[in-house]
Amino acid sequence: MPTLVLVQPNEPLVSNSPDHNCMSTNSSSPPCGSKSQHENHSQERRTSSTRDFSENSQRSSTATPLMTPTTLISQRQDNSRLQGSGINNPSMLPVFSHTDEIILRKLDYLQASVNELRETFHLAVRQNTTIIEEAESDDLEIPLKNVADFEELEAKLMDPKIRSSLVKRLSVSGSKGTDAIYRVLALLMTNELATLISYAGTRGGKQSFRDHERITGCVYLAVRKNPLMSTATNKEIDGSIGEWLKKATTRIDNKKKKMMSKSTEQVTP
């Protein structure tokens, strides 16, 4: 028998039906059962992601590994060794990809550059060592100040290294003629010593310059190192040596007068 229900105006109908109870008065709320469906979809997505990751990992594990430069070089050496032993079976030789070949060519270039730099460095070290050794062996003290120094230098010049060092130290450029020779002699000895030496050594017991053949030879070489004096003859140089030695006293006197003049100028108010 049907039940009669009294309904007040504007009062919502209420039903005992389960489907009706699942309905929400809020239209924005999800329908009944949507939560469990959402969880099912999330679980399916997680399962799919896990399966994709597993498949990618398997593919990565079966892919050709990236070879390091050391590995490439080692394999190329193995190739050369196998080919040198008469094994020409391609299946027994490591195969290089196009990228591997490019890397190997770049490695060859880098190795050649390193070798070149190493040779340049070793050459520079050897040259510097030679310069240092020459500097250490050069115990020359010029200009010479007395006859003992003059005689000692003549004896030292038996050593080729000292001869070479003396020529380098006496070499000057930028002048020509007599002036060029005078500049070399001024580097060799002081004016005070020059008053005790003459070219031939026959007057007043003076030392003979020409009899000191090693010193004379070094002066010849030093003068001719000057590009403007490369054609100077021994005779021309000998004449200038004699004149320079003769004028030693005059140079000393002129130097004293110049110093006195400067002193007077400083005293004068």
Protein backbone atom coordinates (compact mmCIF):
# COMPACT_ATOMS: atom_id res chain seq x y z
CA MET A 1 0.00 0.00 0.00
CA PRO A 2 1.52 3.34 -0.92
CA THR A 3 2.62 5.76 1.75
CA LEU A 4 1.41 9.28 1.67
CA VAL A 5 4.08 11.90 2.47
CA LEU A 6 3.22 15.43 3.33
CA VAL A 7 5.60 17.94 1.80
CA GLN A 8 5.93 21.49 2.93
CA PRO A 9 6.39 24.20 0.32
CA ASN A 10 10.05 24.68 -0.85
CA GLU A 11 11.06 21.55 1.10
CA PRO A 12 13.33 19.19 -0.97
CA LEU A 13 12.19 15.71 -1.54
CA VAL A 14 14.09 13.05 0.41
CA SER A 15 14.29 9.54 -0.83
CA ASN A 16 15.52 6.41 0.85
CA SER A 17 16.99 5.22 -2.43
CA PRO A 18 20.75 4.50 -2.29
CA ASP A 19 21.21 6.28 -5.57
CA HIS A 20 19.49 9.30 -4.24
CA ASN A 21 21.63 9.34 -1.09
CA CYS A 22 24.78 9.42 -3.26
CA MET A 23 23.72 12.72 -4.81
CA SER A 24 25.18 15.87 -3.33
CA THR A 25 23.35 19.13 -3.02
CA ASN A 26 26.62 20.87 -4.05
CA SER A 27 26.84 20.81 -7.83
CA SER A 28 30.62 21.31 -7.75
CA SER A 29 31.31 18.10 -5.77
CA PRO A 30 32.29 14.99 -7.74
CA PRO A 31 29.73 12.28 -8.16
CA CYS A 32 29.67 9.27 -5.92
CA GLY A 33 32.34 6.72 -6.77
CA SER A 34 34.65 9.21 -8.60
CA LYS A 35 37.40 8.94 -5.94
CA SER A 36 37.93 5.24 -6.47
CA GLN A 37 37.98 5.74 -10.23
CA HIS A 38 40.65 8.46 -9.91
CA GLU A 39 42.80 6.15 -7.78
CA ASN A 40 42.49 3.42 -10.42
CA HIS A 41 43.62 5.79 -13.18
CA SER A 42 46.61 6.97 -11.11
CA GLN A 43 47.64 3.38 -10.46
CA GLU A 44 47.45 2.61 -14.18
CA ARG A 45 49.63 5.63 -15.05
CA ARG A 46 52.25 4.61 -12.46
CA THR A 47 52.30 1.09 -13.82
CA SER A 48 52.72 2.38 -17.38
CA SER A 49 55.58 4.72 -16.37
CA THR A 50 57.36 1.90 -14.57
CA ARG A 51 57.00 -0.36 -17.61
CA ASP A 52 58.36 2.38 -19.96
CA PHE A 53 61.32 3.05 -17.68
CA SER A 54 62.13 -0.66 -17.55
CA GLU A 55 62.00 -0.93 -21.34
CA ASN A 56 64.25 2.15 -21.77
CA SER A 57 66.74 0.74 -19.29
CA GLN A 58 66.88 -2.53 -21.19
CA ARG A 59 67.43 -0.70 -24.47
CA SER A 60 70.19 1.42 -22.90
CA SER A 61 71.92 -1.65 -21.55
CA THR A 62 71.97 -3.25 -25.00
CA ALA A 63 73.15 -0.05 -26.81
CA THR A 64 76.77 0.36 -27.90
CA PRO A 65 78.71 1.95 -24.99
CA LEU A 66 80.48 5.29 -25.56
CA MET A 67 84.19 4.62 -25.85
CA THR A 68 86.69 6.90 -24.16
CA PRO A 69 89.75 8.24 -26.06
CA THR A 70 91.93 5.75 -24.21
CA THR A 71 89.71 2.89 -25.34
CA LEU A 72 89.74 4.11 -28.94
CA ILE A 73 93.51 4.32 -29.00
CA SER A 74 93.83 0.90 -27.41
CA GLN A 75 91.52 -0.65 -29.98
CA ARG A 76 93.35 0.99 -32.87
CA GLN A 77 96.62 -0.42 -31.51
CA ASP A 78 94.97 -3.82 -31.35
CA ASN A 79 93.95 -3.44 -34.99
CA SER A 80 97.48 -2.63 -36.03
CA ARG A 81 98.87 -5.53 -34.01
CA LEU A 82 96.41 -8.01 -35.47
CA GLN A 83 96.95 -6.80 -39.02
CA GLY A 84 100.69 -6.94 -38.50
CA SER A 85 100.40 -10.55 -37.38
CA GLY A 86 98.69 -11.46 -40.67
CA ILE A 87 95.11 -11.63 -39.42
CA ASN A 88 92.90 -10.03 -42.05
CA ASN A 89 89.54 -11.39 -40.93
CA PRO A 90 87.32 -8.27 -40.51
CA SER A 91 85.17 -10.02 -37.91
CA MET A 92 88.17 -10.26 -35.59
CA LEU A 93 89.03 -6.56 -35.84
CA PRO A 94 87.28 -3.84 -33.77
CA VAL A 95 84.96 -1.69 -35.87
CA PHE A 96 85.11 2.10 -35.53
CA SER A 97 82.17 4.35 -36.21
CA HIS A 98 82.43 7.62 -38.14
CA THR A 99 82.44 9.51 -34.84
CA ASP A 100 85.23 7.29 -33.54
CA GLU A 101 87.33 8.06 -36.62
CA ILE A 102 86.84 11.80 -36.11
CA ILE A 103 87.88 11.51 -32.47
CA LEU A 104 90.97 9.50 -33.41
CA ARG A 105 92.02 12.09 -36.01
CA LYS A 106 91.66 14.88 -33.45
CA LEU A 107 93.66 12.86 -30.94
CA ASP A 108 96.41 12.38 -33.53
CA TYR A 109 96.49 16.14 -34.13
CA LEU A 110 96.63 16.88 -30.41
CA GLN A 111 99.42 14.37 -29.92
CA ALA A 112 101.44 15.92 -32.75
CA SER A 113 100.93 19.39 -31.22
CA VAL A 114 102.08 18.16 -27.81
CA ASN A 115 105.18 16.58 -29.36
CA GLU A 116 106.02 19.81 -31.16
CA LEU A 117 105.61 21.86 -27.98
CA ARG A 118 107.79 19.38 -26.10
CA GLU A 119 110.57 19.68 -28.68
CA THR A 120 110.34 23.48 -28.61
CA PHE A 121 110.53 23.48 -24.83
CA HIS A 122 113.54 21.15 -24.75
CA LEU A 123 115.31 23.29 -27.37
CA ALA A 124 114.70 26.44 -25.33
CA VAL A 125 116.01 24.71 -22.20
CA ARG A 126 119.16 23.59 -24.02
CA GLN A 127 119.76 27.08 -25.39
CA ASN A 128 119.24 28.71 -21.99
CA THR A 129 121.56 26.17 -20.41
CA THR A 130 124.25 27.01 -22.96
CA ILE A 131 123.86 30.74 -22.32
CA ILE A 132 124.07 30.21 -18.57
CA GLU A 133 127.17 28.06 -18.92
CA GLU A 134 128.82 30.70 -21.09
CA ALA A 135 127.92 33.40 -18.59
CA GLU A 136 129.30 31.35 -15.71
CA SER A 137 132.54 30.67 -17.60
CA ASP A 138 132.94 34.34 -18.50
CA ASP A 139 135.05 35.70 -15.64
CA LEU A 140 136.43 38.52 -17.79
CA GLU A 141 136.77 41.90 -16.16
CA ILE A 142 137.00 44.62 -18.76
CA PRO A 143 138.09 47.26 -19.31
CA LEU A 144 141.55 46.08 -18.25
CA LYS A 145 143.18 48.33 -15.67
CA ASN A 146 146.83 47.30 -15.49
CA VAL A 147 149.55 45.32 -17.26
CA ALA A 148 148.92 42.24 -15.07
CA ASP A 149 145.32 42.15 -16.29
CA PHE A 150 146.57 42.52 -19.87
CA GLU A 151 148.90 39.54 -19.54
CA GLU A 152 146.33 37.44 -17.72
CA LEU A 153 143.75 38.02 -20.44
CA GLU A 154 146.19 36.91 -23.12
CA ALA A 155 146.65 33.62 -21.27
CA LYS A 156 142.91 33.10 -20.72
CA LEU A 157 142.20 33.53 -24.41
CA MET A 158 143.60 30.08 -25.05
CA ASP A 159 140.08 28.95 -24.11
CA PRO A 160 137.80 29.21 -27.19
CA LYS A 161 134.78 30.02 -25.02
CA ILE A 162 136.53 32.99 -23.45
CA ARG A 163 137.68 34.20 -26.87
CA SER A 164 134.11 34.04 -28.14
CA SER A 165 132.83 35.83 -25.07
CA LEU A 166 135.41 38.62 -25.38
CA VAL A 167 134.54 39.20 -29.05
CA LYS A 168 130.86 39.49 -28.18
CA ARG A 169 131.52 41.97 -25.40
CA LEU A 170 133.78 44.12 -27.57
CA SER A 171 131.40 44.17 -30.55
CA VAL A 172 129.74 47.55 -31.13
CA SER A 173 127.82 48.98 -34.05
CA GLY A 174 126.55 52.33 -35.26
CA SER A 175 129.91 53.85 -36.09
CA LYS A 176 132.51 53.41 -38.80
CA GLY A 177 136.11 54.11 -39.63
CA THR A 178 138.56 55.07 -36.93
CA ASP A 179 135.80 55.88 -34.44
CA ALA A 180 134.49 52.30 -34.61
CA ILE A 181 137.95 50.90 -33.78
CA TYR A 182 138.45 53.42 -30.98
CA ARG A 183 135.18 52.36 -29.36
CA VAL A 184 136.29 48.71 -29.32
CA LEU A 185 139.61 49.63 -27.68
CA ALA A 186 137.85 51.81 -25.08
CA LEU A 187 135.85 48.75 -24.04
CA LEU A 188 139.03 46.66 -23.84
CA MET A 189 141.21 48.81 -21.56
CA THR A 190 141.35 52.05 -19.62
CA ASN A 191 143.31 55.09 -20.77
CA GLU A 192 145.68 54.61 -17.84
CA LEU A 193 146.66 51.16 -19.08
CA ALA A 194 146.89 52.43 -22.66
CA THR A 195 149.71 54.82 -21.58
CA LEU A 196 151.79 51.73 -20.70
CA ILE A 197 151.29 50.01 -24.09
CA SER A 198 152.29 50.83 -27.64
CA TYR A 199 151.50 48.96 -30.79
CA ALA A 200 155.09 47.73 -31.35
CA GLY A 201 156.31 48.07 -27.75
CA THR A 202 159.74 49.49 -28.65
CA ARG A 203 159.74 52.78 -26.75
CA GLY A 204 160.20 53.41 -23.05
CA GLY A 205 159.76 49.81 -22.04
CA LYS A 206 156.09 49.76 -23.00
CA GLN A 207 154.21 46.52 -23.57
CA SER A 208 153.68 45.46 -27.18
CA PHE A 209 150.06 45.23 -28.25
CA ARG A 210 150.76 43.26 -31.44
CA ASP A 211 152.79 40.65 -29.55
CA HIS A 212 149.61 39.73 -27.68
CA GLU A 213 148.26 37.92 -30.70
CA ARG A 214 145.11 36.51 -29.10
CA ILE A 215 143.96 39.91 -27.88
CA THR A 216 144.80 41.44 -31.27
CA GLY A 217 142.84 38.72 -33.05
CA CYS A 218 139.78 39.34 -30.86
CA VAL A 219 139.95 43.06 -31.68
CA TYR A 220 140.01 42.24 -35.41
CA LEU A 221 136.92 40.03 -35.08
CA ALA A 222 135.05 42.50 -32.89
CA VAL A 223 135.66 45.38 -35.32
CA ARG A 224 134.46 43.34 -38.31
CA LYS A 225 131.28 42.29 -36.52
CA ASN A 226 130.19 45.87 -37.08
CA PRO A 227 128.34 45.77 -40.44
CA LEU A 228 129.92 49.11 -41.38
CA MET A 229 133.40 47.69 -40.77
CA SER A 230 133.04 44.19 -42.24
CA THR A 231 135.64 44.89 -44.94
CA ALA A 232 138.23 46.55 -42.70
CA THR A 233 141.77 45.14 -43.22
CA ASN A 234 144.22 44.17 -40.49
CA LYS A 235 146.49 46.99 -41.59
CA GLU A 236 143.76 49.59 -41.19
CA ILE A 237 142.86 48.28 -37.77
CA ASP A 238 146.53 48.12 -36.69
CA GLY A 239 147.02 51.78 -37.65
CA SER A 240 144.04 52.88 -35.60
CA ILE A 241 145.21 50.79 -32.61
CA GLY A 242 148.60 52.55 -32.68
CA GLU A 243 147.01 56.01 -32.88
CA TRP A 244 144.58 55.30 -30.06
CA LEU A 245 147.38 54.11 -27.78
CA LYS A 246 149.46 57.20 -28.54
CA LYS A 247 146.60 59.52 -27.65
CA ALA A 248 145.98 57.94 -24.25
CA THR A 249 147.80 60.68 -22.32
CA THR A 250 145.92 63.40 -24.21
CA ARG A 251 142.57 61.77 -23.39
CA ILE A 252 143.49 61.62 -19.71
CA ASP A 253 144.45 65.31 -19.69
CA ASN A 254 141.27 66.32 -21.50
CA LYS A 255 139.21 64.34 -19.05
CA LYS A 256 140.91 66.08 -16.08
CA LYS A 257 140.34 69.52 -17.63
CA LYS A 258 136.68 68.69 -18.20
CA MET A 259 136.26 67.59 -14.61
CA MET A 260 137.99 70.75 -13.31
CA SER A 261 135.76 72.89 -15.49
CA LYS A 262 132.65 71.24 -14.08
CA SER A 263 133.94 71.72 -10.53
CA THR A 264 134.56 75.42 -11.19
CA GLU A 265 131.07 75.90 -12.61
CA GLN A 266 129.57 74.28 -9.49
CA VAL A 267 131.61 76.55 -7.14
CA THR A 268 130.87 79.77 -9.02
CA PRO A 269 127.72 81.43 -7.57
